[in-house]
Amino acid sequence: VLPACRLDCPLGQNVTFYVSAISSEDTQAAAHTIRETNALPSVCGRFCLASCMRACTRAAMDDGVDIRGLKRYAVQVVGEAEPIAVDAKAAKVAVVGSGPSGVAAAHRLLQLGMKPVIFEAADKPGGMLTDVIPDFVLPQEMVENDIANLVKMGVEIRTGVQVGKDVPWSEIDSDFDAVLVATGAGKAVMPSVPGAKLKGSTNAIDFCRTAGNGKGAKLAGNVVVRGGSDTSLQVARTAVRLGAKAVSVVHASPVELWPVTSEAIQAAEKEGVSLLAGHRVTELKGSGKLEAVVVRPVRGTQQDPVGRVAGGAMGKEKELEATLFVEAVNRRPGKENQPDLDAIAVGMLGSLQVDSAYKLAKPGWYAAGEAATGAATVVDSMATGRLAAEAINNDLSQKREAK
């Protein structure tokens, strides 16, 4: 029977082995084991919901083992990863997108003896890890170190190449043995409440990208953030750093049901962020520009796996004075990043339609991460990338055997 910490990890990391190896001062073995199943160990050592730590049997007695911190320590001490040799005649697989699912898939494809080539539209790889998550939450050097190690292992990354614009999807189809679409869910969806189009109403992706690029304007008034995720708290803490007078995070669930770590909650509260749990945004008010956000208490809520809340009786409304409202709940894949090829279908919420093995209807094509599932956590997206890579390997192996 596998230990609870390993069972709860979406990547199935051999937690007990690498924790024991570190305690025995064998960090080399620990880092090797971590990197067997984790393409972004430095990132996950800092930015992960750490379900393994909550499942740790010691958690019933104290705070449990700091598994995330030990992971970060092991890979920092050991440093660079070793190259993985691949046969010159190995199958070539195009991975479109260099976010968590894309790099995890490329890592697994390389391990399985294939030659992955990642196409990234931006100038730097990493997806939203690079241009959305603020540095005080995830230092960029951690993302850069993990990406550099993947390149050292043998993953090829072509940045500044938008498939569908710079290179036709049809050309990718003809030049590679298989194609994995891992373009994420970078299109924000504003709430369907009155006033959502007022000046002063924006979304988390645009807000964080602007602030992260050093172009964020100083804030003088109050800020209200909608959502109970890590992203919501990152937005709130960024607003504090930009000088906001007061920052509130509004979400319908009780705080204990928010899909965030206790450390993230504590950090936000320590910086002065107010958490308005059990409330829902019902309206944005203002004359041309935002002046107030209307919220109502919610009771009897239920939450789905990605943190969306439905139902519940509502109490009396109240207004929160605000000059900026940031939507940090809903986002979905954008059409501009999806293949314009026959047989590839898109679902109602914008995700590419895949089967249980992350296969698209077009033979040789697959999708993983948020492009297939919609908004998800970093580690969940990585897990689907690995599963898609294994499906690609199985299909190409069967194809070779049939010849």
Protein backbone atom coordinates (compact mmCIF):
# COMPACT_ATOMS: atom_id res chain seq x y z
CA VAL A 1 0.00 0.00 0.00
CA LEU A 2 1.41 3.37 -1.01
CA PRO A 3 1.73 6.05 1.70
CA ALA A 4 -0.94 8.77 1.81
CA CYS A 5 1.51 11.52 0.84
CA ARG A 6 2.33 9.76 -2.42
CA LEU A 7 -1.26 8.82 -3.17
CA ASP A 8 -2.34 12.45 -2.76
CA CYS A 9 0.35 13.83 -5.09
CA PRO A 10 -1.03 14.25 -8.65
CA LEU A 11 2.46 13.43 -9.95
CA GLY A 12 2.79 10.33 -7.75
CA GLN A 13 6.14 11.53 -6.39
CA ASN A 14 8.00 8.98 -4.26
CA VAL A 15 7.89 11.27 -1.26
CA THR A 16 8.94 8.81 1.45
CA PHE A 17 12.06 7.79 -0.49
CA TYR A 18 13.39 11.28 -1.11
CA VAL A 19 12.58 12.48 2.41
CA SER A 20 14.45 9.46 3.80
CA ALA A 21 17.34 10.05 1.39
CA ILE A 22 17.67 13.65 2.56
CA SER A 23 17.63 12.55 6.21
CA SER A 24 20.48 10.17 5.31
CA GLU A 25 22.33 13.09 3.64
CA ASP A 26 22.02 11.49 0.21
CA THR A 27 20.69 14.57 -1.59
CA GLN A 28 21.90 13.20 -4.93
CA ALA A 29 19.51 10.24 -4.69
CA ALA A 30 16.73 12.51 -3.43
CA ALA A 31 17.10 14.96 -6.32
CA HIS A 32 17.26 12.12 -8.86
CA THR A 33 14.02 10.64 -7.50
CA ILE A 34 12.27 14.02 -7.48
CA ARG A 35 13.30 14.73 -11.08
CA GLU A 36 12.06 11.35 -12.27
CA THR A 37 8.46 12.55 -12.04
CA ASN A 38 8.72 16.33 -11.64
CA ALA A 39 9.79 18.62 -14.49
CA LEU A 40 9.50 21.74 -12.31
CA PRO A 41 10.88 20.74 -8.90
CA SER A 42 12.09 24.21 -7.90
CA VAL A 43 8.70 25.69 -8.82
CA CYS A 44 6.79 22.99 -6.96
CA GLY A 45 9.15 23.42 -4.01
CA ARG A 46 7.81 26.95 -3.66
CA PHE A 47 4.48 27.20 -5.47
CA CYS A 48 2.29 24.14 -4.91
CA LEU A 49 -0.86 23.41 -2.91
CA ALA A 50 1.16 20.60 -1.27
CA SER A 51 -1.58 18.00 -0.90
CA CYS A 52 1.19 15.61 0.18
CA MET A 53 1.85 17.72 3.26
CA ARG A 54 -1.81 17.76 4.25
CA ALA A 55 -1.94 13.97 3.79
CA CYS A 56 1.23 13.41 5.84
CA THR A 57 0.50 11.12 8.80
CA ARG A 58 2.45 13.48 11.08
CA ALA A 59 -0.07 16.23 10.30
CA ALA A 60 -2.39 14.67 12.89
CA MET A 61 0.25 15.29 15.56
CA ASP A 62 1.89 18.54 14.44
CA ASP A 63 2.44 20.47 11.21
CA GLY A 64 3.65 17.44 9.29
CA VAL A 65 6.87 17.08 7.31
CA ASP A 66 7.88 20.11 5.22
CA ILE A 67 7.90 18.03 2.03
CA ARG A 68 7.78 21.06 -0.24
CA GLY A 69 10.76 22.68 1.46
CA LEU A 70 12.77 19.46 1.36
CA LYS A 71 12.10 19.14 -2.38
CA ARG A 72 13.38 22.67 -2.93
CA TYR A 73 16.45 21.99 -0.78
CA ALA A 74 17.42 18.79 -2.61
CA VAL A 75 17.35 20.23 -6.12
CA GLN A 76 19.15 23.40 -5.02
CA VAL A 77 21.99 21.43 -3.41
CA VAL A 78 22.45 19.03 -6.33
CA GLY A 79 22.12 21.68 -9.02
CA GLU A 80 22.02 20.70 -12.68
CA ALA A 81 20.24 17.62 -14.00
CA GLU A 82 21.91 15.04 -16.22
CA PRO A 83 21.32 14.90 -20.00
CA ILE A 84 19.07 12.14 -21.34
CA ALA A 85 20.38 10.47 -24.48
CA VAL A 86 17.86 9.97 -27.30
CA ASP A 87 18.33 7.95 -30.49
CA ALA A 88 18.85 10.07 -33.61
CA LYS A 89 15.91 8.25 -35.23
CA ALA A 90 13.59 8.88 -32.28
CA ALA A 91 10.05 10.10 -32.92
CA LYS A 92 9.69 13.89 -32.94
CA VAL A 93 6.81 15.38 -30.97
CA ALA A 94 5.72 19.01 -31.15
CA VAL A 95 4.55 20.49 -27.86
CA VAL A 96 2.71 23.79 -28.35
CA GLY A 97 3.02 25.81 -25.16
CA SER A 98 5.69 25.91 -22.44
CA GLY A 99 3.52 26.21 -19.35
CA PRO A 100 3.40 23.49 -16.65
CA SER A 101 1.61 20.88 -18.78
CA GLY A 102 3.80 21.48 -21.82
CA VAL A 103 7.12 21.19 -20.00
CA ALA A 104 5.92 18.20 -17.97
CA ALA A 105 4.87 16.45 -21.18
CA ALA A 106 8.19 17.26 -22.88
CA HIS A 107 10.08 15.95 -19.86
CA ARG A 108 8.16 12.67 -19.93
CA LEU A 109 8.47 12.32 -23.73
CA LEU A 110 12.23 12.68 -23.38
CA GLN A 111 12.31 10.02 -20.66
CA LEU A 112 10.35 7.69 -22.95
CA GLY A 113 12.94 8.03 -25.72
CA MET A 114 11.33 10.65 -27.93
CA LYS A 115 12.54 14.05 -29.12
CA PRO A 116 10.19 16.81 -27.88
CA VAL A 117 10.27 20.29 -29.40
CA ILE A 118 8.38 23.00 -27.52
CA PHE A 119 6.95 25.98 -29.41
CA GLU A 120 6.34 29.05 -27.25
CA ALA A 121 4.77 32.26 -28.55
CA ALA A 122 6.33 34.45 -25.86
CA ASP A 123 9.98 35.47 -25.69
CA LYS A 124 10.49 33.45 -22.52
CA PRO A 125 9.25 29.94 -21.69
CA GLY A 126 7.13 29.17 -18.65
CA GLY A 127 3.66 30.38 -19.60
CA MET A 128 1.82 32.11 -16.77
CA LEU A 129 4.54 30.99 -14.33
CA THR A 130 6.69 33.61 -16.03
CA ASP A 131 4.40 36.52 -16.82
CA VAL A 132 1.54 36.34 -14.31
CA ILE A 133 2.73 34.99 -10.95
CA PRO A 134 4.53 37.79 -9.04
CA ASP A 135 8.15 37.39 -8.07
CA PHE A 136 7.45 37.68 -4.34
CA VAL A 137 5.38 34.48 -4.63
CA LEU A 138 7.52 32.60 -7.15
CA PRO A 139 11.01 34.03 -7.79
CA GLN A 140 11.65 33.92 -11.53
CA GLU A 141 15.06 32.34 -11.03
CA MET A 142 13.27 29.18 -9.89
CA VAL A 143 11.32 28.96 -13.14
CA GLU A 144 14.45 29.76 -15.14
CA ASN A 145 16.49 27.11 -13.31
CA ASP A 146 13.92 24.40 -13.96
CA ILE A 147 13.59 25.36 -17.63
CA ALA A 148 17.39 25.45 -18.02
CA ASN A 149 17.61 21.95 -16.57
CA LEU A 150 15.02 20.69 -19.05
CA VAL A 151 17.09 22.10 -21.89
CA LYS A 152 20.20 20.47 -20.43
CA MET A 153 18.32 17.16 -20.31
CA GLY A 154 17.59 17.47 -24.01
CA VAL A 155 14.30 19.34 -24.47
CA GLU A 156 14.38 21.81 -27.38
CA ILE A 157 12.46 25.06 -26.84
CA ARG A 158 11.73 27.51 -29.65
CA THR A 159 10.53 30.82 -28.21
CA GLY A 160 8.91 33.68 -30.10
CA VAL A 161 7.06 31.25 -32.35
CA GLN A 162 3.26 31.37 -32.30
CA VAL A 163 1.87 28.29 -33.97
CA GLY A 164 -1.02 29.28 -36.20
CA LYS A 165 0.57 32.66 -36.95
CA ASP A 166 4.32 32.26 -37.43
CA VAL A 167 4.05 28.57 -38.32
CA PRO A 168 0.84 27.02 -39.73
CA TRP A 169 -0.76 24.22 -37.73
CA SER A 170 -0.72 22.15 -40.91
CA GLU A 171 3.07 22.47 -41.10
CA ILE A 172 3.42 21.26 -37.51
CA ASP A 173 1.17 18.35 -38.42
CA SER A 174 3.34 17.31 -41.36
CA ASP A 175 6.74 17.84 -39.69
CA PHE A 176 6.15 15.84 -36.48
CA ASP A 177 5.11 12.32 -35.57
CA ALA A 178 2.66 13.65 -32.97
CA VAL A 179 1.45 17.01 -31.68
CA LEU A 180 0.46 17.99 -28.14
CA VAL A 181 -1.48 21.21 -27.63
CA ALA A 182 -0.70 22.72 -24.21
CA THR A 183 -1.60 26.36 -24.73
CA GLY A 184 -3.28 26.86 -21.36
CA ALA A 185 -6.30 28.92 -20.36
CA GLY A 186 -5.15 32.51 -20.61
CA LYS A 187 -8.42 34.15 -21.59
CA ALA A 188 -10.08 35.92 -18.66
CA VAL A 189 -13.87 35.83 -18.25
CA MET A 190 -15.49 38.75 -16.47
CA PRO A 191 -18.44 38.11 -14.13
CA SER A 192 -21.95 38.48 -15.51
CA VAL A 193 -22.99 41.17 -13.04
CA PRO A 194 -24.23 44.72 -13.70
CA GLY A 195 -21.39 47.19 -14.10
CA ALA A 196 -18.73 44.66 -15.11
CA LYS A 197 -17.66 46.91 -18.01
CA LEU A 198 -17.08 50.00 -15.89
CA LYS A 199 -13.68 51.69 -16.05
CA GLY A 200 -11.74 50.33 -13.11
CA SER A 201 -12.91 46.75 -13.67
CA THR A 202 -10.24 44.34 -14.90
CA ASN A 203 -9.08 40.72 -14.65
CA ALA A 204 -6.25 39.03 -12.76
CA ILE A 205 -4.26 38.07 -15.85
CA ASP A 206 -4.06 41.59 -17.27
CA PHE A 207 -3.53 43.11 -13.83
CA CYS A 208 -0.62 40.81 -12.94
CA ARG A 209 1.02 41.03 -16.35
CA THR A 210 1.00 44.81 -16.19
CA ALA A 211 2.27 44.91 -12.61
CA GLY A 212 4.90 42.25 -13.31
CA ASN A 213 6.25 44.18 -16.28
CA GLY A 214 6.82 47.18 -14.06
CA LYS A 215 4.04 49.13 -15.73
CA GLY A 216 1.55 48.88 -12.91
CA ALA A 217 0.24 52.29 -11.95
CA LYS A 218 0.36 53.26 -8.30
CA LEU A 219 -2.96 52.67 -6.58
CA ALA A 220 -4.49 55.20 -4.23
CA GLY A 221 -8.01 53.92 -3.58
CA ASN A 222 -9.56 50.67 -2.38
CA VAL A 223 -9.27 47.41 -4.33
CA VAL A 224 -11.74 44.51 -4.33
CA VAL A 225 -10.66 41.12 -5.69
CA ARG A 226 -13.20 38.42 -6.54
CA GLY A 227 -12.11 34.83 -5.94
CA GLY A 228 -10.66 32.53 -3.30
CA SER A 229 -7.65 31.06 -5.10
CA ASP A 230 -3.90 31.58 -4.94
CA THR A 231 -4.29 33.94 -7.88
CA SER A 232 -6.77 36.07 -5.92
CA LEU A 233 -4.37 36.42 -3.01
CA GLN A 234 -1.47 37.19 -5.35
CA VAL A 235 -3.51 39.98 -6.93
CA ALA A 236 -4.41 41.34 -3.49
CA ARG A 237 -0.82 41.31 -2.26
CA THR A 238 0.35 42.96 -5.48
CA ALA A 239 -2.25 45.69 -4.99
CA VAL A 240 -0.90 46.28 -1.48
CA ARG A 241 2.59 46.70 -2.96
CA LEU A 242 1.24 49.19 -5.48
CA GLY A 243 -0.03 51.40 -2.66
CA ALA A 244 -3.74 50.53 -2.45
CA LYS A 245 -5.46 52.11 0.53
CA ALA A 246 -7.33 48.91 1.42
CA VAL A 247 -7.64 45.52 -0.29
CA SER A 248 -10.48 43.02 0.14
CA VAL A 249 -10.81 39.51 -1.31
CA VAL A 250 -14.41 38.32 -1.72
CA HIS A 251 -15.39 34.67 -2.16
CA ALA A 252 -18.58 32.73 -1.48
CA SER A 253 -17.00 29.82 0.40
CA PRO A 254 -15.75 29.83 3.98
CA VAL A 255 -11.99 30.47 4.11
CA GLU A 256 -11.25 26.89 5.14
CA LEU A 257 -12.66 25.71 1.78
CA TRP A 258 -10.62 28.09 -0.36
CA PRO A 259 -8.21 26.15 -2.64
CA VAL A 260 -5.13 27.79 -1.12
CA THR A 261 -2.47 26.91 1.41
CA SER A 262 -2.64 28.18 4.97
CA GLU A 263 0.69 29.93 4.35
CA ALA A 264 -0.84 31.96 1.50
CA ILE A 265 -3.76 33.00 3.72
CA GLN A 266 -1.45 33.99 6.55
CA ALA A 267 0.84 35.97 4.24
CA ALA A 268 -2.09 37.92 2.79
CA GLU A 269 -3.59 38.73 6.18
CA LYS A 270 -0.19 39.72 7.57
CA GLU A 271 0.12 42.27 4.75
CA GLY A 272 -3.27 43.77 5.60
CA VAL A 273 -5.53 42.05 3.08
CA SER A 274 -9.12 41.61 4.32
CA LEU A 275 -10.75 38.27 3.52
CA LEU A 276 -14.50 38.57 3.03
CA ALA A 277 -15.55 34.92 2.98
CA GLY A 278 -19.14 33.77 2.56
CA HIS A 279 -19.98 36.69 0.25
CA ARG A 280 -20.71 37.05 -3.44
CA VAL A 281 -20.23 40.06 -5.73
CA THR A 282 -23.61 41.03 -7.19
CA GLU A 283 -22.98 44.41 -8.83
CA LEU A 284 -20.37 47.02 -9.68
CA LYS A 285 -21.53 50.60 -9.24
CA GLY A 286 -20.28 53.86 -10.66
CA SER A 287 -20.90 56.70 -13.09
CA GLY A 288 -18.57 55.90 -15.97
CA LYS A 289 -15.94 54.55 -13.61
CA LEU A 290 -16.05 52.19 -10.64
CA GLU A 291 -17.07 53.63 -7.29
CA ALA A 292 -18.31 50.66 -5.28
CA VAL A 293 -18.64 46.86 -5.33
CA VAL A 294 -21.90 45.42 -4.02
CA VAL A 295 -21.65 42.13 -2.11
CA ARG A 296 -24.17 39.88 -0.38
CA PRO A 297 -23.62 37.13 2.18
CA VAL A 298 -24.15 33.59 0.92
CA ARG A 299 -25.21 30.54 2.93
CA GLY A 300 -25.23 26.84 2.15
CA THR A 301 -22.61 27.04 -0.59
CA GLN A 302 -21.07 24.17 -2.50
CA GLN A 303 -17.74 24.29 -4.30
CA ASP A 304 -16.55 22.39 -7.37
CA PRO A 305 -12.95 21.12 -7.86
CA VAL A 306 -11.72 24.44 -9.30
CA GLY A 307 -13.25 26.62 -6.61
CA ARG A 308 -16.47 27.81 -8.26
CA VAL A 309 -19.35 28.19 -5.84
CA ALA A 310 -23.02 27.60 -6.54
CA GLY A 311 -26.30 28.23 -4.75
CA GLY A 312 -27.14 29.40 -1.27
CA ALA A 313 -29.61 31.83 0.26
CA MET A 314 -28.50 35.45 0.29
CA GLY A 315 -28.68 38.05 3.02
CA LYS A 316 -28.62 41.85 2.98
CA GLU A 317 -26.45 43.67 0.45
CA LYS A 318 -23.65 46.03 1.40
CA GLU A 319 -21.36 48.27 -0.63
CA LEU A 320 -17.57 48.26 -0.56
CA GLU A 321 -16.03 51.52 -1.72
CA ALA A 322 -13.57 50.74 -4.52
CA THR A 323 -11.70 52.33 -7.43
CA LEU A 324 -10.47 48.98 -8.79
CA PHE A 325 -12.18 45.60 -9.12
CA VAL A 326 -10.18 42.54 -10.19
CA GLU A 327 -11.90 39.36 -11.37
CA ALA A 328 -9.77 36.36 -10.37
CA VAL A 329 -12.17 33.43 -10.69
CA ASN A 330 -12.89 32.49 -14.27
CA ARG A 331 -10.56 31.99 -17.23
CA ARG A 332 -10.61 29.65 -20.18
CA PRO A 333 -8.61 28.73 -23.29
CA GLY A 334 -8.54 31.37 -26.03
CA LYS A 335 -9.54 30.55 -29.60
CA GLU A 336 -6.44 32.28 -30.95
CA ASN A 337 -4.27 29.51 -29.44
CA GLN A 338 -6.28 26.55 -30.75
CA PRO A 339 -5.66 24.47 -33.89
CA ASP A 340 -7.68 25.50 -36.92
CA LEU A 341 -7.82 21.95 -38.26
CA ASP A 342 -10.76 19.70 -39.12
CA ALA A 343 -11.83 17.08 -36.57
CA ILE A 344 -10.58 19.09 -33.59
CA ALA A 345 -13.62 20.07 -31.53
CA VAL A 346 -14.02 22.71 -28.84
CA GLY A 347 -16.33 22.30 -25.85
CA MET A 348 -18.83 24.82 -24.48
CA LEU A 349 -16.30 26.34 -22.07
CA GLY A 350 -13.59 26.67 -24.70
CA SER A 351 -11.51 23.59 -23.85
CA LEU A 352 -10.39 21.19 -26.55
CA GLN A 353 -12.39 17.97 -26.46
CA VAL A 354 -10.20 15.02 -25.55
CA ASP A 355 -10.84 11.41 -24.55
CA SER A 356 -9.65 9.77 -21.33
CA ALA A 357 -6.11 9.50 -22.76
CA TYR A 358 -6.04 13.21 -23.74
CA LYS A 359 -6.36 12.35 -27.44
CA LEU A 360 -8.02 14.75 -29.83
CA ALA A 361 -10.28 13.41 -32.58
CA LYS A 362 -7.54 13.99 -35.16
CA PRO A 363 -5.09 11.01 -35.19
CA GLY A 364 -1.69 11.88 -33.76
CA TRP A 365 -3.00 14.95 -31.94
CA TYR A 366 -3.39 15.40 -28.20
CA ALA A 367 -4.12 18.16 -25.68
CA ALA A 368 -3.21 18.49 -22.02
CA GLY A 369 -3.29 20.91 -19.13
CA GLU A 370 -5.71 23.80 -19.13
CA ALA A 371 -6.14 23.63 -22.91
CA ALA A 372 -8.01 20.39 -22.26
CA THR A 373 -9.34 20.77 -18.71
CA GLY A 374 -9.89 24.50 -18.26
CA ALA A 375 -8.40 26.35 -15.28
CA ALA A 376 -6.41 24.04 -13.00
CA THR A 377 -3.53 24.04 -10.52
CA VAL A 378 0.09 23.89 -11.66
CA VAL A 379 0.63 20.35 -10.43
CA ASP A 380 -2.66 19.04 -11.85
CA SER A 381 -1.72 20.48 -15.25
CA MET A 382 1.68 18.82 -15.01
CA ALA A 383 0.03 15.49 -14.26
CA THR A 384 -2.14 15.65 -17.38
CA GLY A 385 0.92 16.55 -19.44
CA ARG A 386 2.67 13.40 -18.28
CA LEU A 387 -0.41 11.27 -18.98
CA ALA A 388 -0.70 12.70 -22.48
CA ALA A 389 2.98 11.97 -23.12
CA GLU A 390 2.47 8.35 -22.11
CA ALA A 391 -0.53 8.10 -24.44
CA ILE A 392 1.61 9.46 -27.28
CA ASN A 393 4.30 6.89 -26.52
CA ASN A 394 1.79 4.02 -26.49
CA ASP A 395 0.22 5.08 -29.78
CA LEU A 396 3.54 5.59 -31.57
CA SER A 397 4.84 2.25 -30.24
CA GLN A 398 1.77 0.47 -31.58
CA LYS A 399 2.15 2.25 -34.89
CA ARG A 400 5.78 1.10 -35.19
CA GLU A 401 4.86 -2.48 -34.30
CA ALA A 402 2.13 -2.53 -36.94
CA LYS A 403 4.61 -1.71 -39.72
